[in-house]
Amino acid sequence: MRILLTEEQIAEKVKSLGARLSTDYREKHPVLIGCLKGCVVFLADLMREITIPHTIDFVRASTYGTGQVSAGVVKAEIFDVNIRGRHAVIVEDIVDTGLTLGYLTEVLTKQEPLSLKVCALLVKPGAHRAPVTIDYRGFDIPGDFVVGYGLDWGERYRDLPYIAVVDEQDA
């Protein structure tokens, strides 16, 4: 593995995203909707950087199995998320193909929120297979498979404090 983003780089970016969200949602009491499981570390740090009242909720959605390539089929559980009449922000660890985000946006828009935006720590612009809008973007990264800071590979490496590229010898 090789480190792509250090703990310090991530912390600085999360602080910046939290400040922007705090400014943009002042007096709007947004609900942050974390996409499990990968968002947990990012969401926990992000919500501590947001200086305005907000709530959180969760969905589970993914197109990955245990491999490194998107399966192309979105599996999702929306749980009891209700954003009707609220300002909502989907919080994603990574936007790769855009299929998961596109599906979530479509489903959550049907609930008629006052607004629905997206905050993603990592974006792979060259991998998008669906049109997506990312309103709060952390880092654009290459198409390599990455782990750490909540992102896993077969449920491993989520606990790394940095983001690393998985090399062939790591397989």
N, C-alpha and C. Protein backbone atom coordinates (compact mmCIF):
# COMPACT_ATOMS: atom_id res chain seq x y z
N MET A 1 0.85 -1.18 0.00
CA MET A 1 0.00 0.00 0.00
C MET A 1 0.89 1.24 0.00
N ARG A 2 0.38 2.26 -0.62
CA ARG A 2 1.10 3.54 -0.58
C ARG A 2 0.10 4.63 -0.17
N ILE A 3 0.55 5.51 0.67
CA ILE A 3 -0.32 6.57 1.19
C ILE A 3 -0.62 7.57 0.08
N LEU A 4 -1.91 7.84 -0.11
CA LEU A 4 -2.36 8.82 -1.09
C LEU A 4 -2.65 10.16 -0.40
N LEU A 5 -3.35 10.09 0.74
CA LEU A 5 -3.70 11.29 1.51
C LEU A 5 -3.35 11.04 2.97
N THR A 6 -2.60 11.95 3.56
CA THR A 6 -2.19 11.80 4.95
C THR A 6 -3.32 12.17 5.90
N GLU A 7 -3.14 11.79 7.13
CA GLU A 7 -4.09 12.14 8.19
C GLU A 7 -4.26 13.65 8.27
N GLU A 8 -3.17 14.39 8.14
CA GLU A 8 -3.20 15.85 8.22
C GLU A 8 -3.96 16.46 7.04
N GLN A 9 -3.72 15.96 5.85
CA GLN A 9 -4.43 16.47 4.66
C GLN A 9 -5.94 16.25 4.80
N ILE A 10 -6.30 15.08 5.28
CA ILE A 10 -7.72 14.75 5.45
C ILE A 10 -8.35 15.68 6.49
N ALA A 11 -7.68 15.84 7.63
CA ALA A 11 -8.21 16.70 8.70
C ALA A 11 -8.42 18.13 8.22
N GLU A 12 -7.47 18.64 7.45
CA GLU A 12 -7.59 20.01 6.93
C GLU A 12 -8.79 20.13 5.98
N LYS A 13 -8.98 19.14 5.13
CA LYS A 13 -10.09 19.17 4.17
C LYS A 13 -11.43 19.04 4.89
N VAL A 14 -11.51 18.16 5.88
CA VAL A 14 -12.76 17.99 6.63
C VAL A 14 -13.12 19.28 7.36
N LYS A 15 -12.12 19.94 7.92
CA LYS A 15 -12.36 21.22 8.59
C LYS A 15 -12.92 22.24 7.61
N SER A 16 -12.36 22.30 6.42
CA SER A 16 -12.81 23.22 5.38
C SER A 16 -14.25 22.91 4.94
N LEU A 17 -14.55 21.64 4.73
CA LEU A 17 -15.91 21.25 4.34
C LEU A 17 -16.90 21.59 5.45
N GLY A 18 -16.52 21.34 6.70
CA GLY A 18 -17.39 21.67 7.83
C GLY A 18 -17.68 23.16 7.91
N ALA A 19 -16.67 23.98 7.65
CA ALA A 19 -16.85 25.44 7.66
C ALA A 19 -17.81 25.88 6.56
N ARG A 20 -17.65 25.32 5.36
CA ARG A 20 -18.54 25.67 4.25
C ARG A 20 -19.98 25.27 4.54
N LEU A 21 -20.17 24.06 5.07
CA LEU A 21 -21.52 23.61 5.40
C LEU A 21 -22.13 24.49 6.49
N SER A 22 -21.33 24.87 7.47
CA SER A 22 -21.81 25.73 8.56
C SER A 22 -22.28 27.07 8.02
N THR A 23 -21.56 27.62 7.07
CA THR A 23 -21.93 28.90 6.46
C THR A 23 -23.18 28.75 5.60
N ASP A 24 -23.18 27.75 4.74
CA ASP A 24 -24.28 27.57 3.79
C ASP A 24 -25.60 27.18 4.45
N TYR A 25 -25.52 26.50 5.59
CA TYR A 25 -26.75 26.01 6.23
C TYR A 25 -27.08 26.74 7.53
N ARG A 26 -26.49 27.88 7.74
CA ARG A 26 -26.78 28.67 8.94
C ARG A 26 -28.29 28.88 9.04
N GLU A 27 -28.85 28.57 10.19
CA GLU A 27 -30.29 28.71 10.48
C GLU A 27 -31.18 27.79 9.64
N LYS A 28 -30.62 26.73 9.06
CA LYS A 28 -31.43 25.80 8.26
C LYS A 28 -31.52 24.41 8.89
N HIS A 29 -30.75 24.15 9.94
CA HIS A 29 -30.80 22.89 10.68
C HIS A 29 -30.82 21.68 9.72
N PRO A 30 -29.74 21.46 8.97
CA PRO A 30 -29.74 20.37 8.00
C PRO A 30 -29.68 18.99 8.65
N VAL A 31 -30.08 18.00 7.89
CA VAL A 31 -29.87 16.61 8.29
C VAL A 31 -28.79 16.05 7.37
N LEU A 32 -27.76 15.49 7.99
CA LEU A 32 -26.67 14.86 7.25
C LEU A 32 -27.02 13.39 7.12
N ILE A 33 -27.04 12.88 5.90
CA ILE A 33 -27.40 11.48 5.67
C ILE A 33 -26.15 10.73 5.27
N GLY A 34 -25.63 9.95 6.20
CA GLY A 34 -24.42 9.19 5.94
C GLY A 34 -24.71 7.89 5.23
N CYS A 35 -23.87 7.58 4.26
CA CYS A 35 -24.01 6.35 3.49
C CYS A 35 -23.08 5.30 4.11
N LEU A 36 -23.68 4.35 4.81
CA LEU A 36 -22.93 3.31 5.52
C LEU A 36 -22.31 2.32 4.56
N LYS A 37 -21.25 1.69 4.98
CA LYS A 37 -20.53 1.81 6.21
C LYS A 37 -19.37 2.79 6.08
N GLY A 38 -18.94 3.01 4.87
CA GLY A 38 -17.72 3.77 4.62
C GLY A 38 -17.70 5.19 5.14
N CYS A 39 -18.86 5.82 5.30
CA CYS A 39 -18.89 7.23 5.69
C CYS A 39 -18.67 7.46 7.17
N VAL A 40 -18.69 6.42 7.98
CA VAL A 40 -18.74 6.60 9.43
C VAL A 40 -17.61 7.49 9.96
N VAL A 41 -16.39 7.23 9.57
CA VAL A 41 -15.26 8.01 10.08
C VAL A 41 -15.36 9.45 9.58
N PHE A 42 -15.60 9.61 8.29
CA PHE A 42 -15.73 10.95 7.70
C PHE A 42 -16.88 11.72 8.33
N LEU A 43 -18.04 11.10 8.47
CA LEU A 43 -19.20 11.77 9.04
C LEU A 43 -18.95 12.18 10.49
N ALA A 44 -18.33 11.30 11.26
CA ALA A 44 -18.04 11.62 12.67
C ALA A 44 -17.13 12.85 12.77
N ASP A 45 -16.11 12.89 11.94
CA ASP A 45 -15.20 14.05 11.96
C ASP A 45 -15.88 15.30 11.40
N LEU A 46 -16.64 15.13 10.33
CA LEU A 46 -17.32 16.27 9.70
C LEU A 46 -18.32 16.92 10.65
N MET A 47 -19.12 16.12 11.33
CA MET A 47 -20.14 16.71 12.20
C MET A 47 -19.52 17.47 13.37
N ARG A 48 -18.31 17.09 13.78
CA ARG A 48 -17.62 17.84 14.83
C ARG A 48 -17.09 19.18 14.32
N GLU A 49 -16.92 19.30 13.02
CA GLU A 49 -16.44 20.55 12.42
C GLU A 49 -17.58 21.49 12.04
N ILE A 50 -18.80 21.00 12.05
CA ILE A 50 -19.96 21.83 11.71
C ILE A 50 -20.40 22.55 12.97
N THR A 51 -20.49 23.86 12.89
CA THR A 51 -20.72 24.69 14.08
C THR A 51 -22.17 25.11 14.26
N ILE A 52 -23.06 24.57 13.47
CA ILE A 52 -24.48 24.92 13.55
C ILE A 52 -25.29 23.68 13.95
N PRO A 53 -26.51 23.87 14.45
CA PRO A 53 -27.34 22.71 14.77
C PRO A 53 -27.62 21.87 13.53
N HIS A 54 -27.50 20.56 13.69
CA HIS A 54 -27.78 19.62 12.61
C HIS A 54 -28.10 18.26 13.23
N THR A 55 -28.69 17.41 12.44
CA THR A 55 -28.95 16.04 12.87
C THR A 55 -28.32 15.10 11.85
N ILE A 56 -28.29 13.81 12.21
CA ILE A 56 -27.75 12.82 11.28
C ILE A 56 -28.73 11.67 11.11
N ASP A 57 -28.61 11.02 10.00
CA ASP A 57 -29.36 9.80 9.71
C ASP A 57 -28.49 8.96 8.81
N PHE A 58 -28.93 7.75 8.53
CA PHE A 58 -28.10 6.85 7.73
C PHE A 58 -28.90 6.09 6.69
N VAL A 59 -28.23 5.78 5.61
CA VAL A 59 -28.72 4.83 4.61
C VAL A 59 -27.57 3.85 4.38
N ARG A 60 -27.91 2.71 3.83
CA ARG A 60 -26.86 1.76 3.45
C ARG A 60 -27.03 1.53 1.96
N ALA A 61 -25.99 1.80 1.21
CA ALA A 61 -26.05 1.59 -0.24
C ALA A 61 -24.66 1.34 -0.77
N SER A 62 -24.58 0.47 -1.75
CA SER A 62 -23.28 0.17 -2.33
C SER A 62 -23.42 -0.56 -3.64
N THR A 63 -22.37 -0.47 -4.44
CA THR A 63 -22.29 -1.28 -5.66
C THR A 63 -21.08 -2.20 -5.59
N TYR A 64 -20.38 -2.20 -4.46
CA TYR A 64 -19.21 -3.07 -4.32
C TYR A 64 -19.59 -4.33 -3.58
N GLY A 65 -18.91 -5.41 -3.88
CA GLY A 65 -18.97 -6.64 -3.10
C GLY A 65 -17.71 -6.65 -2.26
N THR A 66 -16.95 -7.73 -2.37
CA THR A 66 -15.68 -7.80 -1.64
C THR A 66 -14.51 -7.48 -2.55
N GLY A 67 -14.77 -7.26 -3.83
CA GLY A 67 -13.70 -6.98 -4.78
C GLY A 67 -13.39 -5.51 -4.89
N GLN A 68 -12.59 -5.19 -5.92
CA GLN A 68 -12.15 -3.82 -6.12
C GLN A 68 -12.89 -3.12 -7.25
N VAL A 69 -13.79 -3.81 -7.92
CA VAL A 69 -14.49 -3.24 -9.06
C VAL A 69 -15.98 -3.20 -8.76
N SER A 70 -16.62 -2.10 -9.11
CA SER A 70 -18.05 -1.93 -8.88
C SER A 70 -18.83 -3.05 -9.55
N ALA A 71 -19.78 -3.61 -8.81
CA ALA A 71 -20.64 -4.66 -9.36
C ALA A 71 -21.65 -4.08 -10.34
N GLY A 72 -21.87 -2.76 -10.29
CA GLY A 72 -22.78 -2.10 -11.23
C GLY A 72 -24.23 -2.13 -10.83
N VAL A 73 -24.57 -2.89 -9.80
CA VAL A 73 -25.95 -2.98 -9.32
C VAL A 73 -25.99 -2.38 -7.93
N VAL A 74 -26.87 -1.41 -7.72
CA VAL A 74 -26.95 -0.74 -6.43
C VAL A 74 -27.81 -1.55 -5.48
N LYS A 75 -27.26 -1.81 -4.28
CA LYS A 75 -28.03 -2.43 -3.21
C LYS A 75 -28.22 -1.34 -2.16
N ALA A 76 -29.46 -1.13 -1.73
CA ALA A 76 -29.70 -0.02 -0.79
C ALA A 76 -30.74 -0.36 0.26
N GLU A 77 -30.54 0.22 1.44
CA GLU A 77 -31.53 0.20 2.52
C GLU A 77 -31.67 1.64 2.97
N ILE A 78 -32.88 2.17 2.90
CA ILE A 78 -33.09 3.57 3.25
C ILE A 78 -33.46 3.73 4.73
N PHE A 79 -33.79 2.66 5.42
CA PHE A 79 -34.17 2.68 6.83
C PHE A 79 -35.36 3.63 7.02
N ASP A 80 -35.34 4.41 8.10
CA ASP A 80 -36.47 5.30 8.42
C ASP A 80 -36.16 6.76 8.10
N VAL A 81 -35.32 7.01 7.14
CA VAL A 81 -34.93 8.38 6.80
C VAL A 81 -36.15 9.13 6.28
N ASN A 82 -36.43 10.30 6.90
CA ASN A 82 -37.53 11.15 6.45
C ASN A 82 -37.00 12.58 6.35
N ILE A 83 -36.87 13.06 5.12
CA ILE A 83 -36.32 14.41 4.92
C ILE A 83 -37.33 15.37 4.31
N ARG A 84 -38.58 14.98 4.28
CA ARG A 84 -39.62 15.84 3.72
C ARG A 84 -39.61 17.20 4.44
N GLY A 85 -39.51 18.27 3.65
CA GLY A 85 -39.53 19.62 4.21
C GLY A 85 -38.26 20.02 4.95
N ARG A 86 -37.18 19.27 4.76
CA ARG A 86 -35.91 19.58 5.45
C ARG A 86 -34.81 19.83 4.43
N HIS A 87 -33.78 20.48 4.88
CA HIS A 87 -32.56 20.61 4.08
C HIS A 87 -31.70 19.39 4.39
N ALA A 88 -31.27 18.68 3.36
CA ALA A 88 -30.53 17.44 3.57
C ALA A 88 -29.23 17.44 2.77
N VAL A 89 -28.24 16.78 3.34
CA VAL A 89 -26.94 16.62 2.69
C VAL A 89 -26.55 15.15 2.75
N ILE A 90 -26.41 14.52 1.60
CA ILE A 90 -25.91 13.15 1.55
C ILE A 90 -24.40 13.22 1.77
N VAL A 91 -23.91 12.43 2.72
CA VAL A 91 -22.48 12.41 3.02
C VAL A 91 -21.90 11.07 2.56
N GLU A 92 -21.01 11.16 1.58
CA GLU A 92 -20.39 9.97 0.98
C GLU A 92 -18.90 9.96 1.26
N ASP A 93 -18.37 8.79 1.53
CA ASP A 93 -16.93 8.66 1.64
C ASP A 93 -16.27 8.81 0.28
N ILE A 94 -16.85 8.15 -0.74
CA ILE A 94 -16.24 8.17 -2.06
C ILE A 94 -17.32 8.08 -3.14
N VAL A 95 -17.15 8.84 -4.20
CA VAL A 95 -18.02 8.73 -5.37
C VAL A 95 -17.15 8.18 -6.49
N ASP A 96 -17.49 6.98 -6.91
CA ASP A 96 -16.71 6.28 -7.93
C ASP A 96 -17.50 6.30 -9.24
N THR A 97 -18.32 5.31 -9.48
CA THR A 97 -19.10 5.26 -10.72
C THR A 97 -20.24 6.27 -10.73
N GLY A 98 -20.69 6.68 -9.54
CA GLY A 98 -21.83 7.58 -9.44
C GLY A 98 -23.15 6.84 -9.40
N LEU A 99 -23.14 5.53 -9.57
CA LEU A 99 -24.38 4.76 -9.58
C LEU A 99 -25.08 4.79 -8.23
N THR A 100 -24.33 4.58 -7.16
CA THR A 100 -24.92 4.60 -5.82
C THR A 100 -25.50 5.98 -5.52
N LEU A 101 -24.72 7.00 -5.75
CA LEU A 101 -25.16 8.37 -5.48
C LEU A 101 -26.37 8.74 -6.33
N GLY A 102 -26.35 8.37 -7.59
CA GLY A 102 -27.49 8.65 -8.47
C GLY A 102 -28.76 8.00 -7.96
N TYR A 103 -28.65 6.76 -7.51
CA TYR A 103 -29.81 6.04 -6.97
C TYR A 103 -30.31 6.72 -5.69
N LEU A 104 -29.40 7.02 -4.77
CA LEU A 104 -29.80 7.66 -3.51
C LEU A 104 -30.46 9.01 -3.76
N THR A 105 -29.89 9.79 -4.64
CA THR A 105 -30.46 11.10 -4.96
C THR A 105 -31.87 10.95 -5.51
N GLU A 106 -32.05 10.01 -6.40
CA GLU A 106 -33.38 9.77 -6.98
C GLU A 106 -34.40 9.38 -5.92
N VAL A 107 -34.03 8.44 -5.07
CA VAL A 107 -34.95 7.96 -4.03
C VAL A 107 -35.26 9.06 -3.01
N LEU A 108 -34.23 9.77 -2.55
CA LEU A 108 -34.44 10.78 -1.52
C LEU A 108 -35.15 12.02 -2.05
N THR A 109 -34.97 12.36 -3.31
CA THR A 109 -35.68 13.49 -3.91
C THR A 109 -37.19 13.28 -3.88
N LYS A 110 -37.62 12.04 -3.97
CA LYS A 110 -39.06 11.73 -3.94
C LYS A 110 -39.69 12.09 -2.60
N GLN A 111 -38.87 12.26 -1.57
CA GLN A 111 -39.39 12.65 -0.26
C GLN A 111 -39.64 14.16 -0.15
N GLU A 112 -39.34 14.89 -1.19
CA GLU A 112 -39.58 16.33 -1.26
C GLU A 112 -38.86 17.13 -0.16
N PRO A 113 -37.53 17.00 -0.11
CA PRO A 113 -36.79 17.85 0.83
C PRO A 113 -36.77 19.29 0.32
N LEU A 114 -36.53 20.24 1.22
CA LEU A 114 -36.37 21.64 0.80
C LEU A 114 -35.16 21.78 -0.12
N SER A 115 -34.11 21.04 0.20
CA SER A 115 -32.93 20.98 -0.66
C SER A 115 -32.24 19.65 -0.40
N LEU A 116 -31.52 19.17 -1.40
CA LEU A 116 -30.75 17.94 -1.27
C LEU A 116 -29.41 18.16 -1.97
N LYS A 117 -28.35 18.15 -1.18
CA LYS A 117 -27.00 18.37 -1.70
C LYS A 117 -26.14 17.15 -1.37
N VAL A 118 -24.93 17.15 -1.92
CA VAL A 118 -24.02 16.03 -1.73
C VAL A 118 -22.67 16.53 -1.25
N CYS A 119 -22.14 15.88 -0.23
CA CYS A 119 -20.80 16.14 0.28
C CYS A 119 -20.02 14.83 0.18
N ALA A 120 -18.95 14.83 -0.58
CA ALA A 120 -18.13 13.62 -0.74
C ALA A 120 -16.68 13.93 -0.43
N LEU A 121 -16.07 13.10 0.38
CA LEU A 121 -14.66 13.30 0.69
C LEU A 121 -13.79 13.01 -0.52
N LEU A 122 -14.07 11.91 -1.21
CA LEU A 122 -13.26 11.50 -2.36
C LEU A 122 -14.12 11.38 -3.60
N VAL A 123 -13.58 11.81 -4.72
CA VAL A 123 -14.29 11.72 -6.00
C VAL A 123 -13.31 11.19 -7.05
N LYS A 124 -13.78 10.19 -7.79
CA LYS A 124 -13.00 9.66 -8.92
C LYS A 124 -13.68 10.13 -10.20
N PRO A 125 -13.35 11.34 -10.67
CA PRO A 125 -14.06 11.91 -11.82
C PRO A 125 -14.00 11.04 -13.08
N GLY A 126 -12.91 10.36 -13.30
CA GLY A 126 -12.76 9.56 -14.50
C GLY A 126 -13.54 8.26 -14.49
N ALA A 127 -14.12 7.90 -13.36
CA ALA A 127 -14.82 6.62 -13.23
C ALA A 127 -16.33 6.74 -13.35
N HIS A 128 -16.86 7.97 -13.39
CA HIS A 128 -18.31 8.16 -13.40
C HIS A 128 -18.97 7.47 -14.59
N ARG A 129 -20.01 6.68 -14.27
CA ARG A 129 -20.84 6.05 -15.30
C ARG A 129 -22.26 6.61 -15.24
N ALA A 130 -22.49 7.50 -14.32
CA ALA A 130 -23.80 8.15 -14.18
C ALA A 130 -23.53 9.63 -13.89
N PRO A 131 -24.40 10.51 -14.38
CA PRO A 131 -24.21 11.94 -14.10
C PRO A 131 -24.50 12.23 -12.62
N VAL A 132 -23.57 12.88 -11.96
CA VAL A 132 -23.75 13.22 -10.55
C VAL A 132 -23.30 14.65 -10.31
N THR A 133 -23.92 15.29 -9.33
CA THR A 133 -23.52 16.62 -8.90
C THR A 133 -23.00 16.50 -7.48
N ILE A 134 -21.79 16.97 -7.27
CA ILE A 134 -21.19 16.95 -5.94
C ILE A 134 -21.00 18.39 -5.52
N ASP A 135 -21.76 18.80 -4.53
CA ASP A 135 -21.79 20.20 -4.11
C ASP A 135 -20.63 20.56 -3.18
N TYR A 136 -20.20 19.61 -2.37
CA TYR A 136 -19.10 19.82 -1.43
C TYR A 136 -18.11 18.68 -1.67
N ARG A 137 -17.00 19.02 -2.31
CA ARG A 137 -16.05 18.02 -2.80
C ARG A 137 -14.76 18.13 -1.99
N GLY A 138 -14.30 16.99 -1.49
CA GLY A 138 -13.03 16.96 -0.78
C GLY A 138 -11.86 16.89 -1.74
N PHE A 139 -11.53 15.68 -2.17
CA PHE A 139 -10.38 15.46 -3.05
C PHE A 139 -10.80 14.73 -4.31
N ASP A 140 -10.29 15.15 -5.45
CA ASP A 140 -10.38 14.35 -6.67
C ASP A 140 -9.19 13.41 -6.65
N ILE A 141 -9.46 12.12 -6.88
CA ILE A 141 -8.38 11.13 -6.85
C ILE A 141 -8.39 10.32 -8.14
N PRO A 142 -7.28 9.64 -8.44
CA PRO A 142 -7.25 8.80 -9.63
C PRO A 142 -8.13 7.56 -9.44
N GLY A 143 -8.21 6.74 -10.44
CA GLY A 143 -9.10 5.58 -10.41
C GLY A 143 -8.62 4.40 -9.60
N ASP A 144 -7.53 4.53 -8.88
CA ASP A 144 -7.01 3.43 -8.07
C ASP A 144 -7.98 3.05 -6.96
N PHE A 145 -7.90 1.79 -6.52
CA PHE A 145 -8.71 1.34 -5.40
C PHE A 145 -8.04 1.82 -4.12
N VAL A 146 -8.82 2.48 -3.26
CA VAL A 146 -8.26 3.06 -2.04
C VAL A 146 -8.95 2.51 -0.80
N VAL A 147 -8.20 2.53 0.30
CA VAL A 147 -8.71 2.06 1.59
C VAL A 147 -8.27 3.05 2.67
N GLY A 148 -8.86 2.87 3.85
CA GLY A 148 -8.50 3.69 5.00
C GLY A 148 -9.52 4.78 5.25
N TYR A 149 -9.48 5.35 6.45
CA TYR A 149 -10.39 6.42 6.85
C TYR A 149 -11.85 6.03 6.56
N GLY A 150 -12.17 4.79 6.90
CA GLY A 150 -13.54 4.29 6.74
C GLY A 150 -13.74 3.42 5.52
N LEU A 151 -12.90 3.58 4.51
CA LEU A 151 -13.04 2.77 3.29
C LEU A 151 -12.36 1.42 3.51
N ASP A 152 -13.01 0.38 3.02
CA ASP A 152 -12.50 -0.96 3.27
C ASP A 152 -12.21 -1.73 2.00
N TRP A 153 -11.59 -2.85 2.20
CA TRP A 153 -11.42 -3.86 1.15
C TRP A 153 -11.74 -5.18 1.83
N GLY A 154 -12.92 -5.71 1.57
CA GLY A 154 -13.35 -6.93 2.24
C GLY A 154 -13.43 -6.77 3.74
N GLU A 155 -13.92 -5.61 4.18
CA GLU A 155 -14.08 -5.25 5.60
C GLU A 155 -12.75 -5.01 6.33
N ARG A 156 -11.65 -4.91 5.61
CA ARG A 156 -10.35 -4.63 6.24
C ARG A 156 -9.91 -3.20 5.91
N TYR A 157 -9.05 -2.67 6.73
CA TYR A 157 -8.37 -1.38 6.53
C TYR A 157 -9.21 -0.14 6.83
N ARG A 158 -10.45 -0.28 7.29
CA ARG A 158 -11.27 0.90 7.62
C ARG A 158 -10.61 1.77 8.69
N ASP A 159 -9.85 1.14 9.56
CA ASP A 159 -9.28 1.83 10.72
C ASP A 159 -8.02 2.64 10.43
N LEU A 160 -7.51 2.57 9.22
CA LEU A 160 -6.31 3.37 8.90
C LEU A 160 -6.65 4.86 9.01
N PRO A 161 -5.77 5.66 9.60
CA PRO A 161 -6.06 7.09 9.75
C PRO A 161 -5.78 7.90 8.49
N TYR A 162 -5.27 7.27 7.47
CA TYR A 162 -4.95 7.90 6.19
C TYR A 162 -5.66 7.14 5.08
N ILE A 163 -5.53 7.62 3.85
CA ILE A 163 -6.11 6.93 2.70
C ILE A 163 -4.95 6.43 1.85
N ALA A 164 -5.00 5.14 1.53
CA ALA A 164 -3.92 4.50 0.79
C ALA A 164 -4.43 3.80 -0.45
N VAL A 165 -3.56 3.71 -1.44
CA VAL A 165 -3.85 2.97 -2.67
C VAL A 165 -3.44 1.52 -2.45
N VAL A 166 -4.32 0.61 -2.82
CA VAL A 166 -4.02 -0.81 -2.73
C VAL A 166 -3.25 -1.21 -3.98
N ASP A 167 -2.05 -1.73 -3.78
CA ASP A 167 -1.23 -2.19 -4.90
C ASP A 167 -1.45 -3.68 -5.12
N GLU A 168 -1.02 -4.18 -6.27
CA GLU A 168 -1.22 -5.60 -6.60
C GLU A 168 -0.63 -6.52 -5.55
N GLN A 169 0.52 -6.19 -5.00
CA GLN A 169 1.14 -7.08 -4.01
C GLN A 169 0.35 -7.14 -2.70
N ASP A 170 -0.60 -6.21 -2.50
CA ASP A 170 -1.44 -6.23 -1.29
C ASP A 170 -2.57 -7.24 -1.42
N ALA A 171 -2.84 -7.70 -2.63
CA ALA A 171 -3.99 -8.59 -2.87
C ALA A 171 -3.81 -9.94 -2.20
